[in-house]
PDB file of N, CA and C in Angstrom:
ATOM      1  N   MET A   1      34.555-159.749 -65.922  1.00  0.00           N
ATOM      2  CA  MET A   1      34.300-158.486 -66.560  1.00  0.00           C
ATOM      3  C   MET A   1      32.845-158.448 -67.033  1.00  0.00           C
ATOM      4  N   SER A   2      32.096-157.421 -66.638  1.00  0.00           N
ATOM      5  CA  SER A   2      30.705-157.312 -67.057  1.00  0.00           C
ATOM      6  C   SER A   2      30.610-156.442 -68.312  1.00  0.00           C
ATOM      7  N   THR A   3      29.655-156.784 -69.138  1.00  0.00           N
ATOM      8  CA  THR A   3      29.427-156.042 -70.358  1.00  0.00           C
ATOM      9  C   THR A   3      28.191-155.177 -70.183  1.00  0.00           C
ATOM     10  N   GLU A   4      28.330-153.908 -70.518  1.00  0.00           N
ATOM     11  CA  GLU A   4      27.198-153.006 -70.431  1.00  0.00           C
ATOM     12  C   GLU A   4      26.154-153.393 -71.476  1.00  0.00           C
ATOM     13  N   ILE A   5      24.898-153.420 -71.063  1.00  0.00           N
ATOM     14  CA  ILE A   5      23.808-153.728 -71.981  1.00  0.00           C
ATOM     15  C   ILE A   5      23.430-152.450 -72.705  1.00  0.00           C
ATOM     16  N   LYS A   6      23.413-152.497 -74.026  1.00  0.00           N
ATOM     17  CA  LYS A   6      23.077-151.332 -74.845  1.00  0.00           C
ATOM     18  C   LYS A   6      21.666-151.496 -75.385  1.00  0.00           C
ATOM     19  N   TRP A   7      20.731-150.803 -74.771  1.00  0.00           N
ATOM     20  CA  TRP A   7      19.327-150.889 -75.144  1.00  0.00           C
ATOM     21  C   TRP A   7      19.061-150.064 -76.389  1.00  0.00           C
ATOM     22  N   GLN A   8      18.133-150.552 -77.211  1.00  0.00           N
ATOM     23  CA  GLN A   8      17.766-149.873 -78.453  1.00  0.00           C
ATOM     24  C   GLN A   8      16.261-149.795 -78.534  1.00  0.00           C
ATOM     25  N   LYS A   9      15.763-148.660 -79.017  1.00  0.00           N
ATOM     26  CA  LYS A   9      14.333-148.529 -79.257  1.00  0.00           C
ATOM     27  C   LYS A   9      14.124-148.072 -80.682  1.00  0.00           C
ATOM     28  N   SER A  10      12.931-148.223 -81.170  1.00  0.00           N
ATOM     29  CA  SER A  10      12.607-147.814 -82.519  1.00  0.00           C
ATOM     30  C   SER A  10      12.713-146.300 -82.654  1.00  0.00           C
ATOM     31  N   SER A  11      13.212-145.852 -83.787  1.00  0.00           N
ATOM     32  CA  SER A  11      13.261-144.413 -84.059  1.00  0.00           C
ATOM     33  C   SER A  11      11.847-143.840 -84.168  1.00  0.00           C
ATOM     34  N   LEU A  12      10.860-144.696 -84.379  1.00  0.00           N
ATOM     35  CA  LEU A  12       9.472-144.250 -84.473  1.00  0.00           C
ATOM     36  C   LEU A  12       8.835-144.007 -83.106  1.00  0.00           C
ATOM     37  N   SER A  13       9.541-144.355 -82.026  1.00  0.00           N
ATOM     38  CA  SER A  13       9.018-144.178 -80.677  1.00  0.00           C
ATOM     39  C   SER A  13       9.052-142.729 -80.222  1.00  0.00           C
ATOM     40  N   GLY A  14       9.835-141.894 -80.871  1.00  0.00           N
ATOM     41  CA  GLY A  14       9.953-140.500 -80.458  1.00  0.00           C
ATOM     42  C   GLY A  14      10.774-140.386 -79.185  1.00  0.00           C
ATOM     43  N   ASP A  15      10.613-139.273 -78.497  1.00  0.00           N
ATOM     44  CA  ASP A  15      11.400-139.019 -77.286  1.00  0.00           C
ATOM     45  C   ASP A  15      10.673-139.382 -76.006  1.00  0.00           C
ATOM     46  N   GLY A  16       9.439-139.829 -76.106  1.00  0.00           N
ATOM     47  CA  GLY A  16       8.652-140.140 -74.924  1.00  0.00           C
ATOM     48  C   GLY A  16       9.091-141.428 -74.245  1.00  0.00           C
ATOM     49  N   PRO A  17       8.636-141.638 -73.011  1.00  0.00           N
ATOM     50  CA  PRO A  17       9.022-142.829 -72.247  1.00  0.00           C
ATOM     51  C   PRO A  17       8.157-144.054 -72.550  1.00  0.00           C
ATOM     52  N   GLN A  18       7.277-143.960 -73.512  1.00  0.00           N
ATOM     53  CA  GLN A  18       6.334-145.041 -73.796  1.00  0.00           C
ATOM     54  C   GLN A  18       6.837-145.918 -74.934  1.00  0.00           C
ATOM     55  N   CYS A  19       7.891-146.689 -74.691  1.00  0.00           N
ATOM     56  CA  CYS A  19       8.419-147.509 -75.778  1.00  0.00           C
ATOM     57  C   CYS A  19       8.965-148.839 -75.251  1.00  0.00           C
ATOM     58  N   VAL A  20       9.100-149.767 -76.162  1.00  0.00           N
ATOM     59  CA  VAL A  20       9.722-151.044 -75.868  1.00  0.00           C
ATOM     60  C   VAL A  20      11.173-150.954 -76.311  1.00  0.00           C
ATOM     61  N   GLU A  21      12.080-151.429 -75.474  1.00  0.00           N
ATOM     62  CA  GLU A  21      13.505-151.412 -75.790  1.00  0.00           C
ATOM     63  C   GLU A  21      14.006-152.840 -75.927  1.00  0.00           C
ATOM     64  N   VAL A  22      14.980-153.039 -76.802  1.00  0.00           N
ATOM     65  CA  VAL A  22      15.520-154.360 -77.100  1.00  0.00           C
ATOM     66  C   VAL A  22      17.036-154.307 -76.974  1.00  0.00           C
ATOM     67  N   ALA A  23      17.622-155.405 -76.503  1.00  0.00           N
ATOM     68  CA  ALA A  23      19.083-155.512 -76.415  1.00  0.00           C
ATOM     69  C   ALA A  23      19.486-156.956 -76.623  1.00  0.00           C
ATOM     70  N   GLU A  24      20.751-157.153 -76.964  1.00  0.00           N
ATOM     71  CA  GLU A  24      21.333-158.493 -77.056  1.00  0.00           C
ATOM     72  C   GLU A  24      22.373-158.596 -75.961  1.00  0.00           C
ATOM     73  N   HIS A  25      22.334-159.701 -75.225  1.00  0.00           N
ATOM     74  CA  HIS A  25      23.297-159.896 -74.134  1.00  0.00           C
ATOM     75  C   HIS A  25      23.545-161.391 -73.957  1.00  0.00           C
ATOM     76  N   ASN A  26      24.791-161.778 -74.052  1.00  0.00           N
ATOM     77  CA  ASN A  26      25.186-163.178 -73.882  1.00  0.00           C
ATOM     78  C   ASN A  26      24.397-164.126 -74.789  1.00  0.00           C
ATOM     79  N   GLY A  27      24.120-163.693 -76.013  1.00  0.00           N
ATOM     80  CA  GLY A  27      23.430-164.535 -76.980  1.00  0.00           C
ATOM     81  C   GLY A  27      21.923-164.551 -76.862  1.00  0.00           C
ATOM     82  N   ALA A  28      21.369-163.852 -75.875  1.00  0.00           N
ATOM     83  CA  ALA A  28      19.915-163.805 -75.692  1.00  0.00           C
ATOM     84  C   ALA A  28      19.394-162.427 -76.086  1.00  0.00           C
ATOM     85  N   ILE A  29      18.114-162.359 -76.396  1.00  0.00           N
ATOM     86  CA  ILE A  29      17.452-161.096 -76.682  1.00  0.00           C
ATOM     87  C   ILE A  29      16.690-160.675 -75.432  1.00  0.00           C
ATOM     88  N   LEU A  30      16.899-159.435 -75.015  1.00  0.00           N
ATOM     89  CA  LEU A  30      16.241-158.877 -73.843  1.00  0.00           C
ATOM     90  C   LEU A  30      15.234-157.831 -74.296  1.00  0.00           C
ATOM     91  N   LEU A  31      14.092-157.788 -73.639  1.00  0.00           N
ATOM     92  CA  LEU A  31      13.047-156.806 -73.930  1.00  0.00           C
ATOM     93  C   LEU A  31      12.611-156.155 -72.628  1.00  0.00           C
ATOM     94  N   ARG A  32      12.336-154.854 -72.694  1.00  0.00           N
ATOM     95  CA  ARG A  32      11.813-154.144 -71.525  1.00  0.00           C
ATOM     96  C   ARG A  32      11.014-152.942 -71.992  1.00  0.00           C
ATOM     97  N   GLU A  33      10.199-152.415 -71.110  1.00  0.00           N
ATOM     98  CA  GLU A  33       9.489-151.171 -71.369  1.00  0.00           C
ATOM     99  C   GLU A  33      10.287-150.049 -70.738  1.00  0.00           C
ATOM    100  N   SER A  34      10.425-148.948 -71.446  1.00  0.00           N
ATOM    101  CA  SER A  34      11.266-147.867 -70.955  1.00  0.00           C
ATOM    102  C   SER A  34      10.757-147.275 -69.643  1.00  0.00           C
ATOM    103  N   ASP A  35       9.460-147.333 -69.393  1.00  0.00           N
ATOM    104  CA  ASP A  35       8.932-146.784 -68.146  1.00  0.00           C
ATOM    105  C   ASP A  35       9.000-147.776 -66.982  1.00  0.00           C
ATOM    106  N   ASP A  36       9.460-148.989 -67.218  1.00  0.00           N
ATOM    107  CA  ASP A  36       9.667-149.989 -66.168  1.00  0.00           C
ATOM    108  C   ASP A  36      10.937-150.785 -66.501  1.00  0.00           C
ATOM    109  N   PRO A  37      12.103-150.142 -66.457  1.00  0.00           N
ATOM    110  CA  PRO A  37      13.336-150.761 -66.946  1.00  0.00           C
ATOM    111  C   PRO A  37      13.824-151.967 -66.148  1.00  0.00           C
ATOM    112  N   ASN A  38      13.276-152.210 -64.976  1.00  0.00           N
ATOM    113  CA  ASN A  38      13.712-153.358 -64.184  1.00  0.00           C
ATOM    114  C   ASN A  38      12.960-154.642 -64.523  1.00  0.00           C
ATOM    115  N   ALA A  39      11.883-154.528 -65.288  1.00  0.00           N
ATOM    116  CA  ALA A  39      11.109-155.701 -65.708  1.00  0.00           C
ATOM    117  C   ALA A  39      11.605-156.124 -67.093  1.00  0.00           C
ATOM    118  N   VAL A  40      12.520-157.079 -67.120  1.00  0.00           N
ATOM    119  CA  VAL A  40      13.157-157.510 -68.359  1.00  0.00           C
ATOM    120  C   VAL A  40      12.704-158.922 -68.716  1.00  0.00           C
ATOM    121  N   THR A  41      12.318-159.109 -69.962  1.00  0.00           N
ATOM    122  CA  THR A  41      11.953-160.417 -70.489  1.00  0.00           C
ATOM    123  C   THR A  41      13.081-160.893 -71.389  1.00  0.00           C
ATOM    124  N   THR A  42      13.413-162.160 -71.292  1.00  0.00           N
ATOM    125  CA  THR A  42      14.495-162.733 -72.092  1.00  0.00           C
ATOM    126  C   THR A  42      13.923-163.781 -73.036  1.00  0.00           C
ATOM    127  N   THR A  43      14.417-163.783 -74.264  1.00  0.00           N
ATOM    128  CA  THR A  43      13.997-164.775 -75.242  1.00  0.00           C
ATOM    129  C   THR A  43      15.191-165.144 -76.122  1.00  0.00           C
ATOM    130  N   SER A  44      14.992-166.127 -76.965  1.00  0.00           N
ATOM    131  CA  SER A  44      16.058-166.551 -77.870  1.00  0.00           C
ATOM    132  C   SER A  44      15.998-165.750 -79.170  1.00  0.00           C
ATOM    133  N   ARG A  45      17.082-165.770 -79.910  1.00  0.00           N
ATOM    134  CA  ARG A  45      17.113-165.112 -81.217  1.00  0.00           C
ATOM    135  C   ARG A  45      16.078-165.742 -82.165  1.00  0.00           C
ATOM    136  N   THR A  46      15.932-167.056 -82.103  1.00  0.00           N
ATOM    137  CA  THR A  46      14.981-167.752 -82.971  1.00  0.00           C
ATOM    138  C   THR A  46      13.552-167.313 -82.693  1.00  0.00           C
ATOM    139  N   LYS A  47      13.171-167.261 -81.433  1.00  0.00           N
ATOM    140  CA  LYS A  47      11.817-166.840 -81.075  1.00  0.00           C
ATOM    141  C   LYS A  47      11.577-165.376 -81.425  1.00  0.00           C
ATOM    142  N   PHE A  48      12.582-164.547 -81.189  1.00  0.00           N
ATOM    143  CA  PHE A  48      12.451-163.127 -81.504  1.00  0.00           C
ATOM    144  C   PHE A  48      12.317-162.931 -83.019  1.00  0.00           C
ATOM    145  N   ALA A  49      13.086-163.678 -83.795  1.00  0.00           N
ATOM    146  CA  ALA A  49      13.002-163.596 -85.260  1.00  0.00           C
ATOM    147  C   ALA A  49      11.610-163.996 -85.747  1.00  0.00           C
ATOM    148  N   ALA A  50      11.023-165.026 -85.135  1.00  0.00           N
ATOM    149  CA  ALA A  50       9.674-165.447 -85.514  1.00  0.00           C
ATOM    150  C   ALA A  50       8.659-164.358 -85.182  1.00  0.00           C
ATOM    151  N   PHE A  51       8.831-163.709 -84.044  1.00  0.00           N
ATOM    152  CA  PHE A  51       7.939-162.619 -83.657  1.00  0.00           C
ATOM    153  C   PHE A  51       8.068-161.456 -84.641  1.00  0.00           C
ATOM    154  N   ILE A  52       9.280-161.064 -84.976  1.00  0.00           N
ATOM    155  CA  ILE A  52       9.497-159.964 -85.914  1.00  0.00           C
ATOM    156  C   ILE A  52       8.887-160.296 -87.275  1.00  0.00           C
ATOM    157  N   ALA A  53       9.030-161.534 -87.715  1.00  0.00           N
ATOM    158  CA  ALA A  53       8.430-161.953 -88.983  1.00  0.00           C
ATOM    159  C   ALA A  53       6.908-161.795 -88.930  1.00  0.00           C
ATOM    160  N   GLY A  54       6.308-162.150 -87.797  1.00  0.00           N
ATOM    161  CA  GLY A  54       4.865-161.974 -87.623  1.00  0.00           C
ATOM    162  C   GLY A  54       4.463-160.509 -87.631  1.00  0.00           C
ATOM    163  N   VAL A  55       5.265-159.653 -87.015  1.00  0.00           N
ATOM    164  CA  VAL A  55       5.004-158.213 -87.026  1.00  0.00           C
ATOM    165  C   VAL A  55       5.051-157.697 -88.459  1.00  0.00           C
ATOM    166  N   LYS A  56       6.097-158.076 -89.188  1.00  0.00           N
ATOM    167  CA  LYS A  56       6.230-157.638 -90.582  1.00  0.00           C
ATOM    168  C   LYS A  56       5.077-158.131 -91.445  1.00  0.00           C
ATOM    169  N   ALA A  57       4.527-159.287 -91.130  1.00  0.00           N
ATOM    170  CA  ALA A  57       3.425-159.858 -91.893  1.00  0.00           C
ATOM    171  C   ALA A  57       2.068-159.257 -91.493  1.00  0.00           C
ATOM    172  N   GLY A  58       2.049-158.390 -90.476  1.00  0.00           N
ATOM    173  CA  GLY A  58       0.818-157.763 -90.054  1.00  0.00           C
ATOM    174  C   GLY A  58      -0.022-158.564 -89.078  1.00  0.00           C
ATOM    175  N   GLU A  59       0.524-159.650 -88.549  1.00  0.00           N
ATOM    176  CA  GLU A  59      -0.248-160.523 -87.662  1.00  0.00           C
ATOM    177  C   GLU A  59      -0.673-159.864 -86.346  1.00  0.00           C
ATOM    178  N   PHE A  60      -0.008-158.783 -85.969  1.00  0.00           N
ATOM    179  CA  PHE A  60      -0.301-158.137 -84.677  1.00  0.00           C
ATOM    180  C   PHE A  60      -0.891-156.742 -84.845  1.00  0.00           C
ATOM    181  N   ASP A  61      -1.251-156.388 -86.056  1.00  0.00           N
ATOM    182  CA  ASP A  61      -1.784-155.043 -86.322  1.00  0.00           C
ATOM    183  C   ASP A  61      -3.033-154.746 -85.503  1.00  0.00           C
ATOM    184  N   HIS A  62      -3.840-155.750 -85.224  1.00  0.00           N
ATOM    185  CA  HIS A  62      -5.070-155.523 -84.479  1.00  0.00           C
ATOM    186  C   HIS A  62      -4.817-155.015 -83.060  1.00  0.00           C
ATOM    187  N   PHE A  63      -3.607-155.183 -82.532  1.00  0.00           N
ATOM    188  CA  PHE A  63      -3.297-154.670 -81.193  1.00  0.00           C
ATOM    189  C   PHE A  63      -3.068-153.175 -81.182  1.00  0.00           C
ATOM    190  N   THR A  64      -2.855-152.580 -82.346  1.00  0.00           N
ATOM    191  CA  THR A  64      -2.588-151.141 -82.406  1.00  0.00           C
ATOM    192  C   THR A  64      -3.814-150.309 -82.746  1.00  0.00           C
ATOM    193  N   ASN A  65      -4.928-150.947 -82.983  1.00  0.00           N
ATOM    194  CA  ASN A  65      -6.158-150.218 -83.339  1.00  0.00           C
ATOM    195  C   ASN A  65      -6.976-149.904 -82.116  1.00  0.00           C
TER     196      ASN A  65
END
């Protein structure tokens, strides 16, 4: 039995196709860009949590300027 992957994007992304989507599947975290849904990157929950912590701490703010 296959489980449908339920992708989620930030509510701040708006309705446009320019967003990163995240899903959980079989214990792994999946990431993709909405405009290229076949290119999926997989990571662990631990690595994803470390990345999110860095985002919250402002470590990646320079990429948005």
